[in-house]
PDB file of N, CA and C in Angstrom:
ATOM      1  N   MET A   1       0.841  -1.190   0.000  1.00  0.00           N
ATOM      2  CA  MET A   1       0.000   0.000   0.000  1.00  0.00           C
ATOM      3  C   MET A   1       0.876   1.240   0.000  1.00  0.00           C
ATOM      4  N   LYS A   2       0.424   2.242  -0.660  1.00  0.00           N
ATOM      5  CA  LYS A   2       1.139   3.510  -0.697  1.00  0.00           C
ATOM      6  C   LYS A   2       0.928   4.229   0.642  1.00  0.00           C
ATOM      7  N   PRO A   3       1.987   4.614   1.313  1.00  0.00           N
ATOM      8  CA  PRO A   3       1.836   5.232   2.636  1.00  0.00           C
ATOM      9  C   PRO A   3       1.250   6.641   2.556  1.00  0.00           C
ATOM     10  N   GLY A   4       0.430   6.988   3.562  1.00  0.00           N
ATOM     11  CA  GLY A   4      -0.084   8.341   3.696  1.00  0.00           C
ATOM     12  C   GLY A   4      -1.362   8.659   2.947  1.00  0.00           C
ATOM     13  N   ILE A   5      -1.917   7.719   2.184  1.00  0.00           N
ATOM     14  CA  ILE A   5      -3.136   8.039   1.433  1.00  0.00           C
ATOM     15  C   ILE A   5      -4.356   7.275   1.927  1.00  0.00           C
ATOM     16  N   HIS A   6      -4.169   6.291   2.805  1.00  0.00           N
ATOM     17  CA  HIS A   6      -5.283   5.465   3.272  1.00  0.00           C
ATOM     18  C   HIS A   6      -5.767   5.943   4.640  1.00  0.00           C
ATOM     19  N   PRO A   7      -7.066   5.866   4.887  1.00  0.00           N
ATOM     20  CA  PRO A   7      -7.579   6.255   6.204  1.00  0.00           C
ATOM     21  C   PRO A   7      -7.136   5.253   7.267  1.00  0.00           C
ATOM     22  N   GLU A   8      -7.146   5.708   8.514  1.00  0.00           N
ATOM     23  CA  GLU A   8      -6.734   4.857   9.627  1.00  0.00           C
ATOM     24  C   GLU A   8      -7.747   3.730   9.836  1.00  0.00           C
ATOM     25  N   TYR A   9      -7.258   2.511   9.938  1.00  0.00           N
ATOM     26  CA  TYR A   9      -8.088   1.316  10.153  1.00  0.00           C
ATOM     27  C   TYR A   9      -7.919   0.932  11.613  1.00  0.00           C
ATOM     28  N   ARG A  10      -8.985   1.055  12.394  1.00  0.00           N
ATOM     29  CA  ARG A  10      -8.871   0.869  13.845  1.00  0.00           C
ATOM     30  C   ARG A  10     -10.132   0.246  14.415  1.00  0.00           C
ATOM     31  N   PRO A  11     -10.081  -0.188  15.669  1.00  0.00           N
ATOM     32  CA  PRO A  11     -11.284  -0.752  16.305  1.00  0.00           C
ATOM     33  C   PRO A  11     -12.359   0.320  16.509  1.00  0.00           C
ATOM     34  N   VAL A  12     -13.599  -0.037  16.201  1.00  0.00           N
ATOM     35  CA  VAL A  12     -14.753   0.864  16.336  1.00  0.00           C
ATOM     36  C   VAL A  12     -15.925   0.043  16.860  1.00  0.00           C
ATOM     37  N   VAL A  13     -16.740   0.644  17.711  1.00  0.00           N
ATOM     38  CA  VAL A  13     -17.950  -0.005  18.216  1.00  0.00           C
ATOM     39  C   VAL A  13     -19.128   0.493  17.393  1.00  0.00           C
ATOM     40  N   PHE A  14     -19.901  -0.432  16.841  1.00  0.00           N
ATOM     41  CA  PHE A  14     -21.153  -0.110  16.165  1.00  0.00           C
ATOM     42  C   PHE A  14     -22.285  -0.461  17.113  1.00  0.00           C
ATOM     43  N   ARG A  15     -23.199   0.493  17.338  1.00  0.00           N
ATOM     44  CA  ARG A  15     -24.277   0.297  18.309  1.00  0.00           C
ATOM     45  C   ARG A  15     -25.621   0.447  17.620  1.00  0.00           C
ATOM     46  N   ASP A  16     -26.450  -0.594  17.724  1.00  0.00           N
ATOM     47  CA  ASP A  16     -27.816  -0.579  17.196  1.00  0.00           C
ATOM     48  C   ASP A  16     -28.725  -0.137  18.334  1.00  0.00           C
ATOM     49  N   ARG A  17     -29.225   1.088  18.236  1.00  0.00           N
ATOM     50  CA  ARG A  17     -30.065   1.637  19.304  1.00  0.00           C
ATOM     51  C   ARG A  17     -31.406   0.915  19.413  1.00  0.00           C
ATOM     52  N   ALA A  18     -31.954   0.465  18.305  1.00  0.00           N
ATOM     53  CA  ALA A  18     -33.271  -0.170  18.318  1.00  0.00           C
ATOM     54  C   ALA A  18     -33.247  -1.494  19.068  1.00  0.00           C
ATOM     55  N   ALA A  19     -32.159  -2.249  18.932  1.00  0.00           N
ATOM     56  CA  ALA A  19     -32.089  -3.574  19.547  1.00  0.00           C
ATOM     57  C   ALA A  19     -31.234  -3.585  20.812  1.00  0.00           C
ATOM     58  N   ASP A  20     -30.688  -2.429  21.190  1.00  0.00           N
ATOM     59  CA  ASP A  20     -29.797  -2.348  22.342  1.00  0.00           C
ATOM     60  C   ASP A  20     -28.674  -3.380  22.214  1.00  0.00           C
ATOM     61  N   TYR A  21     -27.998  -3.338  21.066  1.00  0.00           N
ATOM     62  CA  TYR A  21     -26.960  -4.306  20.723  1.00  0.00           C
ATOM     63  C   TYR A  21     -25.754  -3.549  20.200  1.00  0.00           C
ATOM     64  N   ALA A  22     -24.562  -3.946  20.620  1.00  0.00           N
ATOM     65  CA  ALA A  22     -23.338  -3.302  20.146  1.00  0.00           C
ATOM     66  C   ALA A  22     -22.296  -4.370  19.866  1.00  0.00           C
ATOM     67  N   PHE A  23     -21.435  -4.091  18.895  1.00  0.00           N
ATOM     68  CA  PHE A  23     -20.350  -5.030  18.611  1.00  0.00           C
ATOM     69  C   PHE A  23     -19.097  -4.250  18.224  1.00  0.00           C
ATOM     70  N   LEU A  24     -17.971  -4.830  18.567  1.00  0.00           N
ATOM     71  CA  LEU A  24     -16.669  -4.230  18.303  1.00  0.00           C
ATOM     72  C   LEU A  24     -16.077  -4.871  17.068  1.00  0.00           C
ATOM     73  N   THR A  25     -15.661  -4.036  16.131  1.00  0.00           N
ATOM     74  CA  THR A  25     -15.050  -4.513  14.902  1.00  0.00           C
ATOM     75  C   THR A  25     -14.017  -3.484  14.465  1.00  0.00           C
ATOM     76  N   ARG A  26     -13.388  -3.709  13.346  1.00  0.00           N
ATOM     77  CA  ARG A  26     -12.419  -2.752  12.823  1.00  0.00           C
ATOM     78  C   ARG A  26     -13.025  -2.043  11.618  1.00  0.00           C
ATOM     79  N   SER A  27     -12.748  -0.732  11.519  1.00  0.00           N
ATOM     80  CA  SER A  27     -13.330   0.062  10.453  1.00  0.00           C
ATOM     81  C   SER A  27     -12.512   1.325  10.239  1.00  0.00           C
ATOM     82  N   THR A  28     -12.751   1.976   9.111  1.00  0.00           N
ATOM     83  CA  THR A  28     -12.147   3.276   8.848  1.00  0.00           C
ATOM     84  C   THR A  28     -13.113   4.405   9.191  1.00  0.00           C
ATOM     85  N   ALA A  29     -14.328   4.063   9.626  1.00  0.00           N
ATOM     86  CA  ALA A  29     -15.332   5.073   9.980  1.00  0.00           C
ATOM     87  C   ALA A  29     -14.871   5.846  11.213  1.00  0.00           C
ATOM     88  N   THR A  30     -15.240   7.125  11.263  1.00  0.00           N
ATOM     89  CA  THR A  30     -14.838   7.965  12.385  1.00  0.00           C
ATOM     90  C   THR A  30     -16.068   8.501  13.105  1.00  0.00           C
ATOM     91  N   SER A  31     -15.854   8.878  14.366  1.00  0.00           N
ATOM     92  CA  SER A  31     -16.929   9.431  15.166  1.00  0.00           C
ATOM     93  C   SER A  31     -16.334  10.259  16.298  1.00  0.00           C
ATOM     94  N   ASP A  32     -17.069  11.296  16.708  1.00  0.00           N
ATOM     95  CA  ASP A  32     -16.645  12.105  17.843  1.00  0.00           C
ATOM     96  C   ASP A  32     -17.066  11.481  19.165  1.00  0.00           C
ATOM     97  N   LYS A  33     -18.071  10.614  19.131  1.00  0.00           N
ATOM     98  CA  LYS A  33     -18.561   9.957  20.340  1.00  0.00           C
ATOM     99  C   LYS A  33     -17.656   8.782  20.684  1.00  0.00           C
ATOM    100  N   THR A  34     -17.529   8.499  21.967  1.00  0.00           N
ATOM    101  CA  THR A  34     -16.745   7.346  22.413  1.00  0.00           C
ATOM    102  C   THR A  34     -17.552   6.570  23.443  1.00  0.00           C
ATOM    103  N   VAL A  35     -17.148   5.322  23.648  1.00  0.00           N
ATOM    104  CA  VAL A  35     -17.801   4.465  24.630  1.00  0.00           C
ATOM    105  C   VAL A  35     -16.734   3.574  25.256  1.00  0.00           C
ATOM    106  N   GLU A  36     -16.913   3.268  26.533  1.00  0.00           N
ATOM    107  CA  GLU A  36     -16.001   2.343  27.193  1.00  0.00           C
ATOM    108  C   GLU A  36     -16.518   0.934  26.965  1.00  0.00           C
ATOM    109  N   TRP A  37     -15.691   0.096  26.374  1.00  0.00           N
ATOM    110  CA  TRP A  37     -16.076  -1.261  26.012  1.00  0.00           C
ATOM    111  C   TRP A  37     -15.843  -2.209  27.180  1.00  0.00           C
ATOM    112  N   GLU A  38     -16.264  -3.454  27.047  1.00  0.00           N
ATOM    113  CA  GLU A  38     -16.165  -4.467  28.100  1.00  0.00           C
ATOM    114  C   GLU A  38     -14.730  -4.733  28.544  1.00  0.00           C
ATOM    115  N   ASP A  39     -13.768  -4.499  27.655  1.00  0.00           N
ATOM    116  CA  ASP A  39     -12.372  -4.762  27.991  1.00  0.00           C
ATOM    117  C   ASP A  39     -11.711  -3.590  28.717  1.00  0.00           C
ATOM    118  N   GLY A  40     -12.476  -2.521  28.985  1.00  0.00           N
ATOM    119  CA  GLY A  40     -11.961  -1.375  29.709  1.00  0.00           C
ATOM    120  C   GLY A  40     -11.379  -0.292  28.821  1.00  0.00           C
ATOM    121  N   ASN A  41     -11.214  -0.532  27.552  1.00  0.00           N
ATOM    122  CA  ASN A  41     -10.690   0.458  26.614  1.00  0.00           C
ATOM    123  C   ASN A  41     -11.813   1.344  26.081  1.00  0.00           C
ATOM    124  N   THR A  42     -11.452   2.540  25.654  1.00  0.00           N
ATOM    125  CA  THR A  42     -12.406   3.481  25.074  1.00  0.00           C
ATOM    126  C   THR A  42     -12.256   3.469  23.561  1.00  0.00           C
ATOM    127  N   TYR A  43     -13.394   3.302  22.858  1.00  0.00           N
ATOM    128  CA  TYR A  43     -13.399   3.225  21.402  1.00  0.00           C
ATOM    129  C   TYR A  43     -14.405   4.224  20.847  1.00  0.00           C
ATOM    130  N   PRO A  44     -14.200   4.673  19.600  1.00  0.00           N
ATOM    131  CA  PRO A  44     -15.229   5.489  18.951  1.00  0.00           C
ATOM    132  C   PRO A  44     -16.487   4.647  18.741  1.00  0.00           C
ATOM    133  N   VAL A  45     -17.652   5.261  18.862  1.00  0.00           N
ATOM    134  CA  VAL A  45     -18.909   4.535  18.691  1.00  0.00           C
ATOM    135  C   VAL A  45     -19.705   5.179  17.559  1.00  0.00           C
ATOM    136  N   ILE A  46     -20.289   4.326  16.722  1.00  0.00           N
ATOM    137  CA  ILE A  46     -21.129   4.779  15.619  1.00  0.00           C
ATOM    138  C   ILE A  46     -22.507   4.155  15.806  1.00  0.00           C
ATOM    139  N   ASP A  47     -23.516   5.010  15.922  1.00  0.00           N
ATOM    140  CA  ASP A  47     -24.895   4.541  16.086  1.00  0.00           C
ATOM    141  C   ASP A  47     -25.482   4.227  14.721  1.00  0.00           C
ATOM    142  N   VAL A  48     -26.075   3.044  14.601  1.00  0.00           N
ATOM    143  CA  VAL A  48     -26.705   2.625  13.353  1.00  0.00           C
ATOM    144  C   VAL A  48     -28.188   2.405  13.599  1.00  0.00           C
ATOM    145  N   GLU A  49     -28.981   2.544  12.548  1.00  0.00           N
ATOM    146  CA  GLU A  49     -30.428   2.376  12.674  1.00  0.00           C
ATOM    147  C   GLU A  49     -30.839   0.916  12.670  1.00  0.00           C
ATOM    148  N   ILE A  50     -30.083   0.088  11.961  1.00  0.00           N
ATOM    149  CA  ILE A  50     -30.471  -1.312  11.842  1.00  0.00           C
ATOM    150  C   ILE A  50     -29.226  -2.174  11.732  1.00  0.00           C
ATOM    151  N   SER A  51     -29.284  -3.342  12.348  1.00  0.00           N
ATOM    152  CA  SER A  51     -28.187  -4.311  12.271  1.00  0.00           C
ATOM    153  C   SER A  51     -28.804  -5.701  12.211  1.00  0.00           C
ATOM    154  N   SER A  52     -27.977  -6.713  12.265  1.00  0.00           N
ATOM    155  CA  SER A  52     -28.504  -8.073  12.226  1.00  0.00           C
ATOM    156  C   SER A  52     -29.361  -8.376  13.455  1.00  0.00           C
ATOM    157  N   ALA A  53     -29.212  -7.619  14.522  1.00  0.00           N
ATOM    158  CA  ALA A  53     -30.010  -7.833  15.728  1.00  0.00           C
ATOM    159  C   ALA A  53     -31.424  -7.281  15.603  1.00  0.00           C
ATOM    160  N   SER A  54     -31.643  -6.348  14.671  1.00  0.00           N
ATOM    161  CA  SER A  54     -32.970  -5.753  14.539  1.00  0.00           C
ATOM    162  C   SER A  54     -33.562  -5.871  13.140  1.00  0.00           C
ATOM    163  N   HIS A  55     -32.822  -6.386  12.178  1.00  0.00           N
ATOM    164  CA  HIS A  55     -33.335  -6.510  10.816  1.00  0.00           C
ATOM    165  C   HIS A  55     -34.339  -7.655  10.732  1.00  0.00           C
ATOM    166  N   PRO A  56     -35.501  -7.440  10.113  1.00  0.00           N
ATOM    167  CA  PRO A  56     -36.539  -8.473  10.058  1.00  0.00           C
ATOM    168  C   PRO A  56     -36.079  -9.782   9.421  1.00  0.00           C
ATOM    169  N   PHE A  57     -35.191  -9.738   8.463  1.00  0.00           N
ATOM    170  CA  PHE A  57     -34.730 -10.970   7.824  1.00  0.00           C
ATOM    171  C   PHE A  57     -33.978 -11.857   8.814  1.00  0.00           C
ATOM    172  N   TYR A  58     -33.141 -11.257   9.629  1.00  0.00           N
ATOM    173  CA  TYR A  58     -32.324 -12.023  10.572  1.00  0.00           C
ATOM    174  C   TYR A  58     -33.070 -12.385  11.852  1.00  0.00           C
ATOM    175  N   THR A  59     -34.080 -11.606  12.218  1.00  0.00           N
ATOM    176  CA  THR A  59     -34.810 -11.882  13.458  1.00  0.00           C
ATOM    177  C   THR A  59     -35.984 -12.826  13.248  1.00  0.00           C
ATOM    178  N   GLY A  60     -36.340 -13.109  11.994  1.00  0.00           N
ATOM    179  CA  GLY A  60     -37.438 -14.021  11.716  1.00  0.00           C
ATOM    180  C   GLY A  60     -38.794 -13.366  11.723  1.00  0.00           C
ATOM    181  N   THR A  61     -38.847 -12.055  11.743  1.00  0.00           N
ATOM    182  CA  THR A  61     -40.124 -11.348  11.740  1.00  0.00           C
ATOM    183  C   THR A  61     -40.432 -10.751  10.374  1.00  0.00           C
ATOM    184  N   GLN A  62     -39.829 -11.308   9.349  1.00  0.00           N
ATOM    185  CA  GLN A  62     -40.025 -10.795   7.991  1.00  0.00           C
ATOM    186  C   GLN A  62     -41.448 -11.049   7.538  1.00  0.00           C
ATOM    187  N   ARG A  63     -42.051 -10.044   6.904  1.00  0.00           N
ATOM    188  CA  ARG A  63     -43.405 -10.167   6.384  1.00  0.00           C
ATOM    189  C   ARG A  63     -43.353 -10.677   4.960  1.00  0.00           C
ATOM    190  N   VAL A  64     -44.268 -11.551   4.624  1.00  0.00           N
ATOM    191  CA  VAL A  64     -44.378 -12.039   3.253  1.00  0.00           C
ATOM    192  C   VAL A  64     -45.374 -11.144   2.533  1.00  0.00           C
ATOM    193  N   LEU A  65     -44.957 -10.585   1.424  1.00  0.00           N
ATOM    194  CA  LEU A  65     -45.821  -9.681   0.668  1.00  0.00           C
ATOM    195  C   LEU A  65     -46.638 -10.458  -0.347  1.00  0.00           C
ATOM    196  N   ASP A  66     -47.836 -10.009  -0.566  1.00  0.00           N
ATOM    197  CA  ASP A  66     -48.733 -10.625  -1.535  1.00  0.00           C
ATOM    198  C   ASP A  66     -48.449 -10.002  -2.899  1.00  0.00           C
ATOM    199  N   THR A  67     -47.485 -10.540  -3.619  1.00  0.00           N
ATOM    200  CA  THR A  67     -47.107  -9.948  -4.898  1.00  0.00           C
ATOM    201  C   THR A  67     -48.180 -10.167  -5.956  1.00  0.00           C
ATOM    202  N   ALA A  68     -48.899 -11.285  -5.897  1.00  0.00           N
ATOM    203  CA  ALA A  68     -49.949 -11.529  -6.888  1.00  0.00           C
ATOM    204  C   ALA A  68     -51.053 -10.493  -6.739  1.00  0.00           C
ATOM    205  N   GLY A  69     -51.408 -10.169  -5.514  1.00  0.00           N
ATOM    206  CA  GLY A  69     -52.423  -9.146  -5.280  1.00  0.00           C
ATOM    207  C   GLY A  69     -51.992  -7.785  -5.774  1.00  0.00           C
ATOM    208  N   ARG A  70     -50.729  -7.480  -5.648  1.00  0.00           N
ATOM    209  CA  ARG A  70     -50.221  -6.194  -6.123  1.00  0.00           C
ATOM    210  C   ARG A  70     -50.264  -6.113  -7.638  1.00  0.00           C
ATOM    211  N   VAL A  71     -49.931  -7.205  -8.306  1.00  0.00           N
ATOM    212  CA  VAL A  71     -49.974  -7.223  -9.768  1.00  0.00           C
ATOM    213  C   VAL A  71     -51.409  -7.051 -10.242  1.00  0.00           C
ATOM    214  N   GLU A  72     -52.336  -7.758  -9.622  1.00  0.00           N
ATOM    215  CA  GLU A  72     -53.745  -7.634 -10.006  1.00  0.00           C
ATOM    216  C   GLU A  72     -54.258  -6.222  -9.771  1.00  0.00           C
ATOM    217  N   ARG A  73     -53.892  -5.614  -8.674  1.00  0.00           N
ATOM    218  CA  ARG A  73     -54.325  -4.253  -8.383  1.00  0.00           C
ATOM    219  C   ARG A  73     -53.748  -3.277  -9.409  1.00  0.00           C
ATOM    220  N   PHE A  74     -52.485  -3.481  -9.798  1.00  0.00           N
ATOM    221  CA  PHE A  74     -51.868  -2.644 -10.826  1.00  0.00           C
ATOM    222  C   PHE A  74     -52.609  -2.779 -12.151  1.00  0.00           C
ATOM    223  N   GLU A  75     -52.949  -4.011 -12.533  1.00  0.00           N
ATOM    224  CA  GLU A  75     -53.653  -4.242 -13.795  1.00  0.00           C
ATOM    225  C   GLU A  75     -55.050  -3.647 -13.764  1.00  0.00           C
ATOM    226  N   ARG A  76     -55.738  -3.720 -12.640  1.00  0.00           N
ATOM    227  CA  ARG A  76     -57.065  -3.104 -12.524  1.00  0.00           C
ATOM    228  C   ARG A  76     -56.962  -1.585 -12.647  1.00  0.00           C
ATOM    229  N   ARG A  77     -55.959  -1.025 -12.031  1.00  0.00           N
ATOM    230  CA  ARG A  77     -55.821   0.422 -12.014  1.00  0.00           C
ATOM    231  C   ARG A  77     -55.411   0.980 -13.378  1.00  0.00           C
ATOM    232  N   TYR A  78     -54.460   0.343 -14.001  1.00  0.00           N
ATOM    233  CA  TYR A  78     -53.914   0.882 -15.249  1.00  0.00           C
ATOM    234  C   TYR A  78     -54.305   0.081 -16.478  1.00  0.00           C
ATOM    235  N   GLY A  79     -55.042  -0.987 -16.311  1.00  0.00           N
ATOM    236  CA  GLY A  79     -55.507  -1.783 -17.429  1.00  0.00           C
ATOM    237  C   GLY A  79     -54.435  -2.702 -17.964  1.00  0.00           C
ATOM    238  N   ARG A  80     -54.884  -3.748 -18.620  1.00  0.00           N
ATOM    239  CA  ARG A  80     -53.938  -4.714 -19.182  1.00  0.00           C
ATOM    240  C   ARG A  80     -53.916  -4.570 -20.676  1.00  0.00           C
ATOM    241  N   GLY A  81     -52.723  -4.439 -21.238  1.00  0.00           N
ATOM    242  CA  GLY A  81     -52.565  -4.436 -22.672  1.00  0.00           C
ATOM    243  C   GLY A  81     -52.965  -3.148 -23.359  1.00  0.00           C
ATOM    244  N   ARG A  82     -53.069  -2.061 -22.625  1.00  0.00           N
ATOM    245  CA  ARG A  82     -53.389  -0.782 -23.257  1.00  0.00           C
ATOM    246  C   ARG A  82     -52.189  -0.306 -24.036  1.00  0.00           C
ATOM    247  N   SER A  83     -52.449   0.178 -25.210  1.00  0.00           N
ATOM    248  CA  SER A  83     -51.380   0.660 -26.079  1.00  0.00           C
ATOM    249  C   SER A  83     -51.239   2.170 -25.903  1.00  0.00           C
ATOM    250  N   LYS A  84     -50.014   2.649 -26.008  1.00  0.00           N
ATOM    251  CA  LYS A  84     -49.752   4.090 -25.871  1.00  0.00           C
ATOM    252  C   LYS A  84     -49.919   4.829 -27.187  1.00  0.00           C
ATOM    253  N   ARG A  85     -50.199   4.141 -28.287  1.00  0.00           N
ATOM    254  CA  ARG A  85     -50.318   4.776 -29.603  1.00  0.00           C
ATOM    255  C   ARG A  85     -51.661   5.353 -29.823  1.00  0.00           C
TER     256      ARG A  85
END
């Protein structure tokens, strides 16, 4: 790597406020906020809106959408096979 052009890669805590979940990883992201982690060290913290702890796909609360109903509603509203000419 060329020295002096890459951002600093360091430990950062990502905190999901919705699920009250935080994890320590390495990142180039920066933040003015800090948090004291379980190991006693202070790390920058980045608040995120969603993570694997709160995302519906990972938590099993994913909703199944009725795509057939949506297609039928679209066809009723805009018609089927209408020509623009």
